[in-house]
PDB file of N, CA and C in Angstrom:
ATOM      1  N   MET A   1       0.820  -1.197   0.000  1.00  0.00           N
ATOM      2  CA  MET A   1       0.000   0.000   0.000  1.00  0.00           C
ATOM      3  C   MET A   1       0.861   1.257   0.000  1.00  0.00           C
ATOM      4  N   ARG A   2       2.032   1.198   0.641  1.00  0.00           N
ATOM      5  CA  ARG A   2       2.895   2.382   0.682  1.00  0.00           C
ATOM      6  C   ARG A   2       3.323   2.808  -0.719  1.00  0.00           C
ATOM      7  N   GLU A   3       3.678   1.842  -1.564  1.00  0.00           N
ATOM      8  CA  GLU A   3       4.096   2.185  -2.933  1.00  0.00           C
ATOM      9  C   GLU A   3       2.942   2.807  -3.711  1.00  0.00           C
ATOM     10  N   GLU A   4       1.731   2.290  -3.508  1.00  0.00           N
ATOM     11  CA  GLU A   4       0.563   2.860  -4.183  1.00  0.00           C
ATOM     12  C   GLU A   4       0.359   4.315  -3.766  1.00  0.00           C
ATOM     13  N   ILE A   5       0.516   4.584  -2.477  1.00  0.00           N
ATOM     14  CA  ILE A   5       0.347   5.954  -1.982  1.00  0.00           C
ATOM     15  C   ILE A   5       1.423   6.857  -2.559  1.00  0.00           C
ATOM     16  N   LYS A   6       2.665   6.379  -2.612  1.00  0.00           N
ATOM     17  CA  LYS A   6       3.745   7.191  -3.180  1.00  0.00           C
ATOM     18  C   LYS A   6       3.445   7.550  -4.628  1.00  0.00           C
ATOM     19  N   LYS A   7       2.990   6.575  -5.417  1.00  0.00           N
ATOM     20  CA  LYS A   7       2.666   6.842  -6.818  1.00  0.00           C
ATOM     21  C   LYS A   7       1.523   7.844  -6.929  1.00  0.00           C
ATOM     22  N   GLU A   8       0.528   7.704  -6.051  1.00  0.00           N
ATOM     23  CA  GLU A   8      -0.610   8.620  -6.072  1.00  0.00           C
ATOM     24  C   GLU A   8      -0.170  10.041  -5.735  1.00  0.00           C
ATOM     25  N   ILE A   9       0.696  10.186  -4.756  1.00  0.00           N
ATOM     26  CA  ILE A   9       1.186  11.507  -4.374  1.00  0.00           C
ATOM     27  C   ILE A   9       1.978  12.126  -5.513  1.00  0.00           C
ATOM     28  N   LEU A  10       2.852  11.345  -6.144  1.00  0.00           N
ATOM     29  CA  LEU A  10       3.679  11.878  -7.223  1.00  0.00           C
ATOM     30  C   LEU A  10       2.853  12.295  -8.429  1.00  0.00           C
ATOM     31  N   SER A  11       1.692  11.672  -8.619  1.00  0.00           N
ATOM     32  CA  SER A  11       0.879  11.994  -9.792  1.00  0.00           C
ATOM     33  C   SER A  11      -0.113  13.127  -9.541  1.00  0.00           C
ATOM     34  N   LEU A  12      -0.204  13.601  -8.310  1.00  0.00           N
ATOM     35  CA  LEU A  12      -1.195  14.632  -7.996  1.00  0.00           C
ATOM     36  C   LEU A  12      -0.841  15.981  -8.606  1.00  0.00           C
ATOM     37  N   THR A  13      -1.785  16.524  -9.316  1.00  0.00           N
ATOM     38  CA  THR A  13      -1.649  17.898  -9.793  1.00  0.00           C
ATOM     39  C   THR A  13      -2.847  18.719  -9.341  1.00  0.00           C
ATOM     40  N   ASP A  14      -3.921  18.058  -8.987  1.00  0.00           N
ATOM     41  CA  ASP A  14      -5.150  18.710  -8.543  1.00  0.00           C
ATOM     42  C   ASP A  14      -5.108  18.882  -7.027  1.00  0.00           C
ATOM     43  N   MET A  15      -5.055  20.122  -6.560  1.00  0.00           N
ATOM     44  CA  MET A  15      -4.931  20.389  -5.129  1.00  0.00           C
ATOM     45  C   MET A  15      -6.139  19.891  -4.335  1.00  0.00           C
ATOM     46  N   ASP A  16      -7.303  19.782  -4.968  1.00  0.00           N
ATOM     47  CA  ASP A  16      -8.480  19.279  -4.265  1.00  0.00           C
ATOM     48  C   ASP A  16      -8.322  17.816  -3.866  1.00  0.00           C
ATOM     49  N   SER A  17      -7.467  17.094  -4.562  1.00  0.00           N
ATOM     50  CA  SER A  17      -7.253  15.680  -4.263  1.00  0.00           C
ATOM     51  C   SER A  17      -6.363  15.466  -3.046  1.00  0.00           C
ATOM     52  N   TRP A  18      -5.614  16.482  -2.650  1.00  0.00           N
ATOM     53  CA  TRP A  18      -4.661  16.334  -1.547  1.00  0.00           C
ATOM     54  C   TRP A  18      -5.329  15.916  -0.248  1.00  0.00           C
ATOM     55  N   HIS A  19      -6.502  16.435   0.042  1.00  0.00           N
ATOM     56  CA  HIS A  19      -7.166  16.141   1.310  1.00  0.00           C
ATOM     57  C   HIS A  19      -7.380  14.637   1.485  1.00  0.00           C
ATOM     58  N   SER A  20      -7.917  13.974   0.473  1.00  0.00           N
ATOM     59  CA  SER A  20      -8.166  12.534   0.591  1.00  0.00           C
ATOM     60  C   SER A  20      -6.865  11.745   0.639  1.00  0.00           C
ATOM     61  N   VAL A  21      -5.865  12.192  -0.090  1.00  0.00           N
ATOM     62  CA  VAL A  21      -4.577  11.496  -0.072  1.00  0.00           C
ATOM     63  C   VAL A  21      -3.933  11.600   1.300  1.00  0.00           C
ATOM     64  N   VAL A  22      -3.980  12.773   1.901  1.00  0.00           N
ATOM     65  CA  VAL A  22      -3.390  12.949   3.229  1.00  0.00           C
ATOM     66  C   VAL A  22      -4.092  12.043   4.238  1.00  0.00           C
ATOM     67  N   LYS A  23      -5.397  11.908   4.128  1.00  0.00           N
ATOM     68  CA  LYS A  23      -6.124  11.000   5.026  1.00  0.00           C
ATOM     69  C   LYS A  23      -5.628   9.563   4.857  1.00  0.00           C
ATOM     70  N   ASP A  24      -5.410   9.136   3.612  1.00  0.00           N
ATOM     71  CA  ASP A  24      -4.899   7.786   3.354  1.00  0.00           C
ATOM     72  C   ASP A  24      -3.487   7.612   3.900  1.00  0.00           C
ATOM     73  N   VAL A  25      -2.663   8.621   3.712  1.00  0.00           N
ATOM     74  CA  VAL A  25      -1.281   8.552   4.189  1.00  0.00           C
ATOM     75  C   VAL A  25      -1.257   8.428   5.711  1.00  0.00           C
ATOM     76  N   CYS A  26      -2.140   9.130   6.384  1.00  0.00           N
ATOM     77  CA  CYS A  26      -2.199   9.079   7.859  1.00  0.00           C
ATOM     78  C   CYS A  26      -2.526   7.681   8.370  1.00  0.00           C
ATOM     79  N   LYS A  27      -3.195   6.892   7.559  1.00  0.00           N
ATOM     80  CA  LYS A  27      -3.525   5.519   7.959  1.00  0.00           C
ATOM     81  C   LYS A  27      -2.310   4.596   7.872  1.00  0.00           C
ATOM     82  N   VAL A  28      -1.332   4.968   7.050  1.00  0.00           N
ATOM     83  CA  VAL A  28      -0.183   4.097   6.798  1.00  0.00           C
ATOM     84  C   VAL A  28       1.068   4.552   7.536  1.00  0.00           C
ATOM     85  N   TYR A  29       1.314   5.854   7.570  1.00  0.00           N
ATOM     86  CA  TYR A  29       2.535   6.394   8.163  1.00  0.00           C
ATOM     87  C   TYR A  29       2.235   7.022   9.519  1.00  0.00           C
ATOM     88  N   PRO A  30       3.170   6.890  10.466  1.00  0.00           N
ATOM     89  CA  PRO A  30       2.967   7.574  11.749  1.00  0.00           C
ATOM     90  C   PRO A  30       3.073   9.088  11.555  1.00  0.00           C
ATOM     91  N   THR A  31       2.357   9.807  12.376  1.00  0.00           N
ATOM     92  CA  THR A  31       2.419  11.266  12.296  1.00  0.00           C
ATOM     93  C   THR A  31       3.326  11.793  13.394  1.00  0.00           C
ATOM     94  N   PRO A  32       3.916  12.946  13.263  1.00  0.00           N
ATOM     95  CA  PRO A  32       3.803  13.847  12.117  1.00  0.00           C
ATOM     96  C   PRO A  32       4.685  13.378  10.961  1.00  0.00           C
ATOM     97  N   PHE A  33       4.371  13.826   9.773  1.00  0.00           N
ATOM     98  CA  PHE A  33       5.168  13.521   8.594  1.00  0.00           C
ATOM     99  C   PHE A  33       5.084  14.694   7.623  1.00  0.00           C
ATOM    100  N   TYR A  34       5.978  14.673   6.646  1.00  0.00           N
ATOM    101  CA  TYR A  34       5.995  15.695   5.603  1.00  0.00           C
ATOM    102  C   TYR A  34       5.654  15.041   4.276  1.00  0.00           C
ATOM    103  N   ILE A  35       4.887  15.724   3.463  1.00  0.00           N
ATOM    104  CA  ILE A  35       4.699  15.331   2.070  1.00  0.00           C
ATOM    105  C   ILE A  35       5.310  16.453   1.256  1.00  0.00           C
ATOM    106  N   ILE A  36       6.375  16.128   0.561  1.00  0.00           N
ATOM    107  CA  ILE A  36       7.098  17.140  -0.208  1.00  0.00           C
ATOM    108  C   ILE A  36       7.164  16.686  -1.657  1.00  0.00           C
ATOM    109  N   ASN A  37       6.714  17.536  -2.539  1.00  0.00           N
ATOM    110  CA  ASN A  37       6.759  17.244  -3.964  1.00  0.00           C
ATOM    111  C   ASN A  37       8.079  17.777  -4.512  1.00  0.00           C
ATOM    112  N   PRO A  38       8.992  16.879  -4.909  1.00  0.00           N
ATOM    113  CA  PRO A  38      10.302  17.337  -5.381  1.00  0.00           C
ATOM    114  C   PRO A  38      10.226  18.254  -6.601  1.00  0.00           C
ATOM    115  N   GLU A  39       9.216  18.076  -7.425  1.00  0.00           N
ATOM    116  CA  GLU A  39       9.083  18.935  -8.607  1.00  0.00           C
ATOM    117  C   GLU A  39       8.779  20.376  -8.206  1.00  0.00           C
ATOM    118  N   ILE A  40       7.969  20.546  -7.177  1.00  0.00           N
ATOM    119  CA  ILE A  40       7.675  21.896  -6.690  1.00  0.00           C
ATOM    120  C   ILE A  40       8.924  22.510  -6.073  1.00  0.00           C
ATOM    121  N   VAL A  41       9.668  21.711  -5.314  1.00  0.00           N
ATOM    122  CA  VAL A  41      10.925  22.191  -4.718  1.00  0.00           C
ATOM    123  C   VAL A  41      11.883  22.635  -5.818  1.00  0.00           C
ATOM    124  N   LYS A  42      12.016  21.831  -6.865  1.00  0.00           N
ATOM    125  CA  LYS A  42      12.910  22.180  -7.983  1.00  0.00           C
ATOM    126  C   LYS A  42      12.476  23.485  -8.642  1.00  0.00           C
ATOM    127  N   ASP A  43      11.166  23.648  -8.820  1.00  0.00           N
ATOM    128  CA  ASP A  43      10.643  24.863  -9.440  1.00  0.00           C
ATOM    129  C   ASP A  43      10.959  26.095  -8.594  1.00  0.00           C
ATOM    130  N   TYR A  44      10.735  26.011  -7.287  1.00  0.00           N
ATOM    131  CA  TYR A  44      11.039  27.143  -6.397  1.00  0.00           C
ATOM    132  C   TYR A  44      12.533  27.452  -6.387  1.00  0.00           C
ATOM    133  N   LEU A  45      13.348  26.409  -6.357  1.00  0.00           N
ATOM    134  CA  LEU A  45      14.795  26.627  -6.360  1.00  0.00           C
ATOM    135  C   LEU A  45      15.240  27.307  -7.656  1.00  0.00           C
ATOM    136  N   LYS A  46      14.643  26.913  -8.755  1.00  0.00           N
ATOM    137  CA  LYS A  46      14.962  27.547 -10.037  1.00  0.00           C
ATOM    138  C   LYS A  46      14.639  29.040  -9.985  1.00  0.00           C
ATOM    139  N   ARG A  47      13.494  29.376  -9.398  1.00  0.00           N
ATOM    140  CA  ARG A  47      13.105  30.787  -9.263  1.00  0.00           C
ATOM    141  C   ARG A  47      14.071  31.543  -8.350  1.00  0.00           C
ATOM    142  N   ILE A  48      14.455  30.909  -7.253  1.00  0.00           N
ATOM    143  CA  ILE A  48      15.401  31.545  -6.329  1.00  0.00           C
ATOM    144  C   ILE A  48      16.724  31.801  -7.033  1.00  0.00           C
ATOM    145  N   ARG A  49      17.216  30.807  -7.760  1.00  0.00           N
ATOM    146  CA  ARG A  49      18.507  30.966  -8.451  1.00  0.00           C
ATOM    147  C   ARG A  49      18.462  32.094  -9.475  1.00  0.00           C
ATOM    148  N   LYS A  50      17.342  32.258 -10.153  1.00  0.00           N
ATOM    149  CA  LYS A  50      17.212  33.334 -11.142  1.00  0.00           C
ATOM    150  C   LYS A  50      17.233  34.711 -10.485  1.00  0.00           C
ATOM    151  N   SER A  51      16.935  34.763  -9.196  1.00  0.00           N
ATOM    152  CA  SER A  51      16.868  36.038  -8.475  1.00  0.00           C
ATOM    153  C   SER A  51      18.226  36.554  -8.024  1.00  0.00           C
ATOM    154  N   PHE A  52      19.252  35.721  -8.139  1.00  0.00           N
ATOM    155  CA  PHE A  52      20.583  36.088  -7.655  1.00  0.00           C
ATOM    156  C   PHE A  52      21.611  35.942  -8.768  1.00  0.00           C
ATOM    157  N   PRO A  53      22.759  36.603  -8.615  1.00  0.00           N
ATOM    158  CA  PRO A  53      23.825  36.417  -9.598  1.00  0.00           C
ATOM    159  C   PRO A  53      24.210  34.936  -9.699  1.00  0.00           C
ATOM    160  N   GLU A  54      24.718  34.555 -10.861  1.00  0.00           N
ATOM    161  CA  GLU A  54      25.007  33.151 -11.156  1.00  0.00           C
ATOM    162  C   GLU A  54      25.956  32.487 -10.158  1.00  0.00           C
ATOM    163  N   ASN A  55      26.904  33.214  -9.618  1.00  0.00           N
ATOM    164  CA  ASN A  55      27.904  32.609  -8.728  1.00  0.00           C
ATOM    165  C   ASN A  55      27.474  32.595  -7.255  1.00  0.00           C
ATOM    166  N   THR A  56      26.225  32.912  -6.965  1.00  0.00           N
ATOM    167  CA  THR A  56      25.728  32.928  -5.587  1.00  0.00           C
ATOM    168  C   THR A  56      25.615  31.505  -5.048  1.00  0.00           C
ATOM    169  N   ILE A  57      26.106  31.301  -3.832  1.00  0.00           N
ATOM    170  CA  ILE A  57      25.979  30.006  -3.169  1.00  0.00           C
ATOM    171  C   ILE A  57      24.681  30.010  -2.374  1.00  0.00           C
ATOM    172  N   ILE A  58      23.848  29.037  -2.643  1.00  0.00           N
ATOM    173  CA  ILE A  58      22.590  28.891  -1.915  1.00  0.00           C
ATOM    174  C   ILE A  58      22.747  27.696  -0.984  1.00  0.00           C
ATOM    175  N   ALA A  59      22.472  27.931   0.300  1.00  0.00           N
ATOM    176  CA  ALA A  59      22.656  26.878   1.299  1.00  0.00           C
ATOM    177  C   ALA A  59      21.339  26.577   2.006  1.00  0.00           C
ATOM    178  N   TYR A  60      21.148  25.314   2.316  1.00  0.00           N
ATOM    179  CA  TYR A  60      19.977  24.850   3.053  1.00  0.00           C
ATOM    180  C   TYR A  60      20.365  24.650   4.513  1.00  0.00           C
ATOM    181  N   ALA A  61      19.588  25.208   5.432  1.00  0.00           N
ATOM    182  CA  ALA A  61      19.844  25.031   6.864  1.00  0.00           C
ATOM    183  C   ALA A  61      19.343  23.647   7.271  1.00  0.00           C
ATOM    184  N   THR A  62      20.275  22.747   7.527  1.00  0.00           N
ATOM    185  CA  THR A  62      19.896  21.361   7.804  1.00  0.00           C
ATOM    186  C   THR A  62      19.028  21.222   9.048  1.00  0.00           C
ATOM    187  N   LYS A  63      19.137  22.163   9.976  1.00  0.00           N
ATOM    188  CA  LYS A  63      18.312  22.066  11.189  1.00  0.00           C
ATOM    189  C   LYS A  63      16.823  22.248  10.882  1.00  0.00           C
ATOM    190  N   ALA A  64      16.486  22.804   9.719  1.00  0.00           N
ATOM    191  CA  ALA A  64      15.082  23.007   9.350  1.00  0.00           C
ATOM    192  C   ALA A  64      14.371  21.675   9.108  1.00  0.00           C
ATOM    193  N   ASN A  65      15.025  20.761   8.458  1.00  0.00           N
ATOM    194  CA  ASN A  65      14.489  19.418   8.209  1.00  0.00           C
ATOM    195  C   ASN A  65      15.658  18.564   7.753  1.00  0.00           C
ATOM    196  N   TYR A  66      16.084  17.651   8.589  1.00  0.00           N
ATOM    197  CA  TYR A  66      17.259  16.848   8.276  1.00  0.00           C
ATOM    198  C   TYR A  66      16.900  15.435   7.827  1.00  0.00           C
ATOM    199  N   SER A  67      15.717  15.280   7.264  1.00  0.00           N
ATOM    200  CA  SER A  67      15.297  13.989   6.722  1.00  0.00           C
ATOM    201  C   SER A  67      16.288  13.557   5.638  1.00  0.00           C
ATOM    202  N   PRO A  68      16.687  12.280   5.638  1.00  0.00           N
ATOM    203  CA  PRO A  68      17.613  11.808   4.604  1.00  0.00           C
ATOM    204  C   PRO A  68      17.121  12.082   3.184  1.00  0.00           C
ATOM    205  N   SER A  69      15.818  11.961   2.950  1.00  0.00           N
ATOM    206  CA  SER A  69      15.317  12.206   1.592  1.00  0.00           C
ATOM    207  C   SER A  69      15.449  13.674   1.204  1.00  0.00           C
ATOM    208  N   ILE A  70      15.290  14.583   2.154  1.00  0.00           N
ATOM    209  CA  ILE A  70      15.465  16.015   1.887  1.00  0.00           C
ATOM    210  C   ILE A  70      16.931  16.309   1.592  1.00  0.00           C
ATOM    211  N   ILE A  71      17.805  15.746   2.389  1.00  0.00           N
ATOM    212  CA  ILE A  71      19.242  15.964   2.179  1.00  0.00           C
ATOM    213  C   ILE A  71      19.663  15.437   0.815  1.00  0.00           C
ATOM    214  N   LYS A  72      19.199  14.253   0.439  1.00  0.00           N
ATOM    215  CA  LYS A  72      19.541  13.688  -0.875  1.00  0.00           C
ATOM    216  C   LYS A  72      19.002  14.568  -2.002  1.00  0.00           C
ATOM    217  N   LEU A  73      17.755  15.032  -1.849  1.00  0.00           N
ATOM    218  CA  LEU A  73      17.159  15.895  -2.870  1.00  0.00           C
ATOM    219  C   LEU A  73      17.982  17.163  -3.050  1.00  0.00           C
ATOM    220  N   PHE A  74      18.296  17.843  -1.940  1.00  0.00           N
ATOM    221  CA  PHE A  74      19.030  19.097  -2.035  1.00  0.00           C
ATOM    222  C   PHE A  74      20.469  18.888  -2.485  1.00  0.00           C
ATOM    223  N   ASN A  75      21.058  17.771  -2.123  1.00  0.00           N
ATOM    224  CA  ASN A  75      22.400  17.459  -2.609  1.00  0.00           C
ATOM    225  C   ASN A  75      22.370  17.283  -4.127  1.00  0.00           C
ATOM    226  N   ASN A  76      21.355  16.576  -4.628  1.00  0.00           N
ATOM    227  CA  ASN A  76      21.216  16.379  -6.075  1.00  0.00           C
ATOM    228  C   ASN A  76      20.921  17.679  -6.811  1.00  0.00           C
ATOM    229  N   LEU A  77      20.332  18.647  -6.107  1.00  0.00           N
ATOM    230  CA  LEU A  77      20.038  19.949  -6.712  1.00  0.00           C
ATOM    231  C   LEU A  77      21.212  20.920  -6.562  1.00  0.00           C
ATOM    232  N   ASP A  78      22.335  20.407  -6.082  1.00  0.00           N
ATOM    233  CA  ASP A  78      23.589  21.164  -5.974  1.00  0.00           C
ATOM    234  C   ASP A  78      23.516  22.314  -4.974  1.00  0.00           C
ATOM    235  N   LEU A  79      22.744  22.121  -3.899  1.00  0.00           N
ATOM    236  CA  LEU A  79      22.719  23.115  -2.831  1.00  0.00           C
ATOM    237  C   LEU A  79      23.873  22.869  -1.872  1.00  0.00           C
ATOM    238  N   HIS A  80      24.293  23.906  -1.190  1.00  0.00           N
ATOM    239  CA  HIS A  80      25.237  23.772  -0.084  1.00  0.00           C
ATOM    240  C   HIS A  80      24.414  23.559   1.187  1.00  0.00           C
ATOM    241  N   PHE A  81      25.091  23.206   2.268  1.00  0.00           N
ATOM    242  CA  PHE A  81      24.399  22.914   3.518  1.00  0.00           C
ATOM    243  C   PHE A  81      24.959  23.750   4.648  1.00  0.00           C
ATOM    244  N   ASP A  82      24.073  24.484   5.291  1.00  0.00           N
ATOM    245  CA  ASP A  82      24.421  25.274   6.465  1.00  0.00           C
ATOM    246  C   ASP A  82      24.242  24.371   7.680  1.00  0.00           C
ATOM    247  N   THR A  83      25.344  24.076   8.358  1.00  0.00           N
ATOM    248  CA  THR A  83      25.293  23.211   9.537  1.00  0.00           C
ATOM    249  C   THR A  83      25.799  23.980  10.746  1.00  0.00           C
ATOM    250  N   PHE A  84      25.414  23.521  11.932  1.00  0.00           N
ATOM    251  CA  PHE A  84      25.838  24.188  13.154  1.00  0.00           C
ATOM    252  C   PHE A  84      26.610  23.251  14.069  1.00  0.00           C
ATOM    253  N   THR A  85      26.185  21.996  14.130  1.00  0.00           N
ATOM    254  CA  THR A  85      26.828  21.063  15.050  1.00  0.00           C
ATOM    255  C   THR A  85      27.578  19.978  14.292  1.00  0.00           C
ATOM    256  N   ALA A  86      28.501  19.348  14.995  1.00  0.00           N
ATOM    257  CA  ALA A  86      29.226  18.214  14.409  1.00  0.00           C
ATOM    258  C   ALA A  86      28.247  17.090  14.078  1.00  0.00           C
ATOM    259  N   GLY A  87      27.219  16.926  14.910  1.00  0.00           N
ATOM    260  CA  GLY A  87      26.209  15.902  14.653  1.00  0.00           C
ATOM    261  C   GLY A  87      25.476  16.131  13.345  1.00  0.00           C
ATOM    262  N   GLU A  88      25.185  17.393  13.030  1.00  0.00           N
ATOM    263  CA  GLU A  88      24.534  17.714  11.753  1.00  0.00           C
ATOM    264  C   GLU A  88      25.446  17.349  10.586  1.00  0.00           C
ATOM    265  N   VAL A  89      26.727  17.628  10.729  1.00  0.00           N
ATOM    266  CA  VAL A  89      27.686  17.312   9.662  1.00  0.00           C
ATOM    267  C   VAL A  89      27.762  15.803   9.461  1.00  0.00           C
ATOM    268  N   VAL A  90      27.881  15.054  10.548  1.00  0.00           N
ATOM    269  CA  VAL A  90      27.965  13.591  10.458  1.00  0.00           C
ATOM    270  C   VAL A  90      26.704  13.036   9.799  1.00  0.00           C
ATOM    271  N   HIS A  91      25.543  13.508  10.233  1.00  0.00           N
ATOM    272  CA  HIS A  91      24.279  13.045   9.650  1.00  0.00           C
ATOM    273  C   HIS A  91      24.223  13.376   8.157  1.00  0.00           C
ATOM    274  N   LEU A  92      24.605  14.575   7.816  1.00  0.00           N
ATOM    275  CA  LEU A  92      24.611  15.011   6.421  1.00  0.00           C
ATOM    276  C   LEU A  92      25.484  14.091   5.566  1.00  0.00           C
ATOM    277  N   LEU A  93      26.674  13.800   6.039  1.00  0.00           N
ATOM    278  CA  LEU A  93      27.591  12.934   5.296  1.00  0.00           C
ATOM    279  C   LEU A  93      27.058  11.504   5.221  1.00  0.00           C
ATOM    280  N   ASN A  94      26.449  11.018   6.297  1.00  0.00           N
ATOM    281  CA  ASN A  94      25.865   9.672   6.294  1.00  0.00           C
ATOM    282  C   ASN A  94      24.703   9.552   5.319  1.00  0.00           C
ATOM    283  N   CYS A  95      24.061  10.661   5.015  1.00  0.00           N
ATOM    284  CA  CYS A  95      22.931  10.674   4.076  1.00  0.00           C
ATOM    285  C   CYS A  95      23.381  10.922   2.639  1.00  0.00           C
ATOM    286  N   GLY A  96      24.671  10.989   2.425  1.00  0.00           N
ATOM    287  CA  GLY A  96      25.180  11.183   1.071  1.00  0.00           C
ATOM    288  C   GLY A  96      25.464  12.619   0.709  1.00  0.00           C
ATOM    289  N   GLY A  97      25.408  13.517   1.686  1.00  0.00           N
ATOM    290  CA  GLY A  97      25.731  14.921   1.426  1.00  0.00           C
ATOM    291  C   GLY A  97      27.189  15.074   1.025  1.00  0.00           C
ATOM    292  N   ASP A  98      27.467  16.061   0.220  1.00  0.00           N
ATOM    293  CA  ASP A  98      28.816  16.324  -0.279  1.00  0.00           C
ATOM    294  C   ASP A  98      29.585  17.162   0.740  1.00  0.00           C
ATOM    295  N   ALA A  99      30.702  16.627   1.236  1.00  0.00           N
ATOM    296  CA  ALA A  99      31.514  17.329   2.243  1.00  0.00           C
ATOM    297  C   ALA A  99      32.004  18.680   1.729  1.00  0.00           C
ATOM    298  N   GLU A 100      32.187  18.816   0.431  1.00  0.00           N
ATOM    299  CA  GLU A 100      32.654  20.076  -0.156  1.00  0.00           C
ATOM    300  C   GLU A 100      31.584  21.171  -0.082  1.00  0.00           C
ATOM    301  N   LYS A 101      30.342  20.778   0.171  1.00  0.00           N
ATOM    302  CA  LYS A 101      29.238  21.742   0.194  1.00  0.00           C
ATOM    303  C   LYS A 101      28.790  22.091   1.609  1.00  0.00           C
ATOM    304  N   VAL A 102      29.544  21.635   2.621  1.00  0.00           N
ATOM    305  CA  VAL A 102      29.174  21.903   4.013  1.00  0.00           C
ATOM    306  C   VAL A 102      29.722  23.252   4.425  1.00  0.00           C
ATOM    307  N   MET A 103      28.870  24.063   5.048  1.00  0.00           N
ATOM    308  CA  MET A 103      29.291  25.385   5.520  1.00  0.00           C
ATOM    309  C   MET A 103      29.258  25.386   7.032  1.00  0.00           C
TER     310      MET A 103
END
């Protein structure tokens, strides 16, 4: 059922459908949880990048959400990572984050 829900979430374009999907997800996954559409994240990041000079470094504050899937997504999108503690750095590296992008 989890794979079916993932496919349903990825195919959603109609915002009215989100309510029923979230109810289904709550039955399968413990709460609290995040539903993040990577395509929307990519679109917002593209807009942010267009707003700054080309050589601007954009960093994600890992303390905001350090989920491995978020770290992998942002690493693949070539973001840098703003970290504060050694634990954040270790977690970031364990999730596949690029050590060269750690701030």
